[in-house]
Amino acid sequence: MKKIFILFSVLAAGLISCEGDQGPQGPPGYDGVDAEMPAIFEVENVNYDYEADNNLWSTLLTYSDFTDFEVFENDVVLVYRLDSTVELNDGSTADAWSLMPQNFFLDKGTIQYVYNHTFLDTELFIDGDHDLADLDTGFTDNQVIRVAIIPALMAKDFNGDYSNFSDVMGALKLSEADVTKVQM
C-alpha cells in the first residue's frame, strides 16, 4: 500500500510540476489605468421637463450618451451648472460654474437645483417649496451642465474645494481642452 501511495505521490508531483505550451492569451481585462483618469463632460441645451405629479422639473443625463468612460459605484460624481459668463479685468471672459445643489430665492419661494446619480446616469432636478408649474424658462431651458466623474482612488486624495470648478480642474490636472463638449 505504501508503494502505491508513494508512486501516486511521485506521479502527481511530476504532473503538477510539468510545463507545457502557454496556451492562448485571455481576453483583455481591467488594468487599473482607467481608475486613475477622471472624465468631465459639458452638455449644452439641457432642458428640464415638468412633472406635475411631483411638482418638480427633471432631466436625465446618461453617461454612455456623452462618454465611453466607465463609472463605478464608488466614484465621485459632481454636477455644475453654468451661472453666467463674467468679464475679467483684462477684458477677457470666464464662465462662472456653481456646484449643485444650488438655491434660488424667488418671490414665490425657493427653488433648488439638485441631482442624484448611479454608475449609469445622473438625474437632474429643480425642486421647490411652491407650485413650480410656471417656473421661468430661464431656469428650465437651454441650461449648460458639466459633470465631473472622479475615480474613487483619485477622490480620496483630493484636498481642494469641490465647489470651485477651477480647483477641481487644477487638482485633476485637466484643462478646458480636456472637457468633452456635447449638445443635448
Protein backbone atom coordinates (compact mmCIF):
# COMPACT_ATOMS: atom_id res chain seq x y z
CA MET A 1 0.00 0.00 0.00
CA LYS A 2 2.87 2.33 0.85
CA LYS A 3 4.38 1.71 -2.59
CA ILE A 4 1.13 2.67 -4.34
CA PHE A 5 0.85 5.85 -2.28
CA ILE A 6 4.49 6.79 -2.98
CA LEU A 7 4.06 6.00 -6.69
CA PHE A 8 0.87 8.11 -6.84
CA SER A 9 2.57 10.99 -4.98
CA VAL A 10 5.57 10.95 -7.32
CA LEU A 11 3.29 10.79 -10.37
CA ALA A 12 1.12 13.68 -9.09
CA ALA A 13 4.16 15.81 -8.28
CA GLY A 14 5.56 15.13 -11.72
CA LEU A 15 2.32 16.17 -13.43
CA ILE A 16 1.94 19.32 -11.36
CA SER A 17 5.48 20.49 -11.98
CA CYS A 18 5.43 19.88 -15.73
CA GLU A 19 5.45 22.78 -18.11
CA GLY A 20 3.74 22.79 -21.43
CA ASP A 21 2.68 25.27 -24.04
CA GLN A 22 1.47 28.53 -22.55
CA GLY A 23 -1.89 28.46 -24.34
CA PRO A 24 -3.83 31.30 -25.92
CA GLN A 25 -3.92 34.74 -24.37
CA GLY A 26 -7.11 35.51 -22.48
CA PRO A 27 -9.38 38.46 -23.16
CA PRO A 28 -8.07 41.88 -22.12
CA GLY A 29 -9.04 42.81 -18.59
CA TYR A 30 -9.18 45.88 -16.40
CA ASP A 31 -5.60 47.02 -15.86
CA GLY A 32 -6.24 49.87 -13.45
CA VAL A 33 -5.20 52.62 -15.84
CA ASP A 34 -8.74 53.93 -16.25
CA ALA A 35 -9.16 54.06 -12.48
CA GLU A 36 -6.71 56.94 -12.40
CA MET A 37 -8.28 59.11 -15.09
CA PRO A 38 -11.17 61.50 -14.41
CA ALA A 39 -13.74 62.46 -17.03
CA ILE A 40 -15.50 65.78 -17.43
CA PHE A 41 -18.17 66.44 -19.99
CA GLU A 42 -20.25 69.52 -20.71
CA VAL A 43 -23.78 69.24 -22.03
CA GLU A 44 -25.34 72.26 -23.71
CA ASN A 45 -29.05 72.86 -24.34
CA VAL A 46 -30.22 70.86 -21.35
CA ASN A 47 -33.99 71.26 -20.96
CA TYR A 48 -35.90 70.15 -17.90
CA ASP A 49 -39.39 68.61 -18.17
CA TYR A 50 -42.13 69.41 -15.68
CA GLU A 51 -43.53 66.53 -13.65
CA ALA A 52 -46.91 67.75 -12.38
CA ASP A 53 -47.44 64.71 -10.11
CA ASN A 54 -44.21 65.50 -8.25
CA ASN A 55 -44.21 69.29 -8.73
CA LEU A 56 -40.64 69.29 -9.98
CA TRP A 57 -38.63 69.63 -13.16
CA SER A 58 -36.20 66.89 -14.22
CA THR A 59 -33.96 65.59 -16.97
CA LEU A 60 -31.69 62.56 -17.32
CA LEU A 61 -28.08 62.52 -18.50
CA THR A 62 -26.99 59.00 -19.44
CA TYR A 63 -23.20 58.73 -19.35
CA SER A 64 -22.96 56.46 -22.41
CA ASP A 65 -24.56 59.23 -24.48
CA PHE A 66 -21.65 61.55 -23.70
CA THR A 67 -18.58 59.48 -22.87
CA ASP A 68 -17.17 55.96 -23.03
CA PHE A 69 -15.68 56.44 -19.56
CA GLU A 70 -16.64 53.60 -17.23
CA VAL A 71 -18.22 54.84 -13.99
CA PHE A 72 -18.13 52.72 -10.84
CA GLU A 73 -20.46 52.79 -7.83
CA ASN A 74 -17.86 54.37 -5.53
CA ASP A 75 -16.69 57.09 -7.96
CA VAL A 76 -17.45 60.71 -7.11
CA VAL A 77 -19.89 62.45 -9.45
CA LEU A 78 -20.09 66.25 -9.28
CA VAL A 79 -22.55 68.35 -11.27
CA TYR A 80 -22.03 72.02 -12.08
CA ARG A 81 -24.45 74.49 -13.69
CA LEU A 82 -23.25 77.45 -15.74
CA ASP A 83 -24.46 80.57 -13.94
CA SER A 84 -23.05 83.24 -16.19
CA THR A 85 -20.06 84.50 -18.08
CA VAL A 86 -18.16 87.19 -16.25
CA GLU A 87 -15.83 89.83 -17.64
CA LEU A 88 -12.33 89.87 -16.17
CA ASN A 89 -10.11 92.90 -15.55
CA ASP A 90 -8.10 92.23 -18.70
CA GLY A 91 -11.23 92.31 -20.87
CA SER A 92 -11.41 88.53 -21.31
CA THR A 93 -14.31 86.46 -20.00
CA ALA A 94 -14.64 83.41 -17.78
CA ASP A 95 -17.51 81.03 -17.12
CA ALA A 96 -18.95 81.03 -13.60
CA TRP A 97 -19.90 77.49 -12.56
CA SER A 98 -21.96 76.53 -9.48
CA LEU A 99 -21.81 73.13 -7.85
CA MET A 100 -25.22 71.57 -7.26
CA PRO A 101 -27.16 71.75 -5.02
CA GLN A 102 -27.79 75.38 -5.82
CA ASN A 103 -30.57 77.51 -4.31
CA PHE A 104 -32.50 80.44 -5.71
CA PHE A 105 -34.80 82.60 -3.58
CA LEU A 106 -37.69 83.85 -5.70
CA ASP A 107 -40.74 85.98 -4.87
CA LYS A 108 -42.92 82.85 -4.74
CA GLY A 109 -40.45 80.80 -2.69
CA THR A 110 -37.26 78.80 -3.03
CA ILE A 111 -36.10 76.53 -5.81
CA GLN A 112 -33.12 74.21 -5.72
CA TYR A 113 -31.11 72.50 -8.45
CA VAL A 114 -30.23 69.02 -7.18
CA TYR A 115 -29.16 65.70 -8.65
CA ASN A 116 -28.74 62.03 -7.93
CA HIS A 117 -26.62 59.52 -9.80
CA THR A 118 -25.87 55.89 -10.41
CA PHE A 119 -22.97 54.35 -12.31
CA LEU A 120 -25.09 54.71 -15.47
CA ASP A 121 -26.57 58.20 -15.32
CA THR A 122 -27.27 61.41 -13.46
CA GLU A 123 -30.79 62.72 -12.97
CA LEU A 124 -31.10 66.48 -12.56
CA PHE A 125 -34.00 68.07 -10.67
CA ILE A 126 -35.38 71.50 -9.93
CA ASP A 127 -37.30 71.21 -6.67
CA GLY A 128 -39.07 73.92 -4.71
CA ASP A 129 -41.37 74.86 -1.87
CA HIS A 130 -44.17 76.25 -4.08
CA ASP A 131 -46.01 75.38 -7.30
CA LEU A 132 -43.31 75.10 -9.97
CA ALA A 133 -45.62 74.70 -12.98
CA ASP A 134 -44.97 78.24 -14.21
CA LEU A 135 -41.26 78.42 -13.36
CA ASP A 136 -39.47 80.87 -15.66
CA THR A 137 -37.84 79.14 -18.64
CA GLY A 138 -34.59 80.86 -17.73
CA PHE A 139 -34.30 78.19 -15.04
CA THR A 140 -35.55 75.22 -17.09
CA ASP A 141 -34.42 75.64 -20.71
CA ASN A 142 -31.07 75.73 -22.50
CA GLN A 143 -29.01 75.08 -19.40
CA VAL A 144 -25.31 74.23 -19.63
CA ILE A 145 -24.24 71.44 -17.29
CA ARG A 146 -20.83 69.97 -16.53
CA VAL A 147 -20.46 66.54 -14.99
CA ALA A 148 -17.15 65.61 -13.37
CA ILE A 149 -16.56 61.92 -12.71
CA ILE A 150 -13.67 61.42 -10.33
CA PRO A 151 -12.44 57.88 -9.70
CA ALA A 152 -12.66 56.90 -6.04
CA LEU A 153 -8.90 56.34 -5.73
CA MET A 154 -8.23 59.85 -7.01
CA ALA A 155 -11.04 61.47 -4.98
CA LYS A 156 -9.74 60.17 -1.67
CA ASP A 157 -6.58 62.27 -2.13
CA PHE A 158 -8.40 65.43 -3.25
CA ASN A 159 -7.63 68.34 -0.92
CA GLY A 160 -9.36 71.14 -2.81
CA ASP A 161 -12.77 72.75 -2.77
CA TYR A 162 -15.29 70.76 -4.82
CA SER A 163 -17.48 73.85 -5.13
CA ASN A 164 -14.73 75.67 -7.03
CA PHE A 165 -14.65 74.23 -10.54
CA SER A 166 -11.21 75.73 -11.21
CA ASP A 167 -9.81 73.97 -8.11
CA VAL A 168 -11.27 70.68 -9.31
CA MET A 169 -9.79 71.10 -12.79
CA GLY A 170 -6.40 72.02 -11.30
CA ALA A 171 -6.36 69.12 -8.86
CA LEU A 172 -7.27 66.72 -11.66
CA LYS A 173 -4.56 68.25 -13.87
CA LEU A 174 -7.13 68.96 -16.58
CA SER A 175 -7.57 71.94 -18.89
CA GLU A 176 -10.53 73.24 -20.89
CA ALA A 177 -9.27 71.15 -23.80
CA ASP A 178 -9.93 68.01 -21.73
CA VAL A 179 -13.64 68.79 -21.29
CA THR A 180 -15.77 66.83 -23.74
CA LYS A 181 -18.48 69.18 -25.05
CA VAL A 182 -21.75 67.83 -26.44
CA GLN A 183 -25.20 69.10 -27.38
CA MET A 184 -28.36 67.59 -25.94
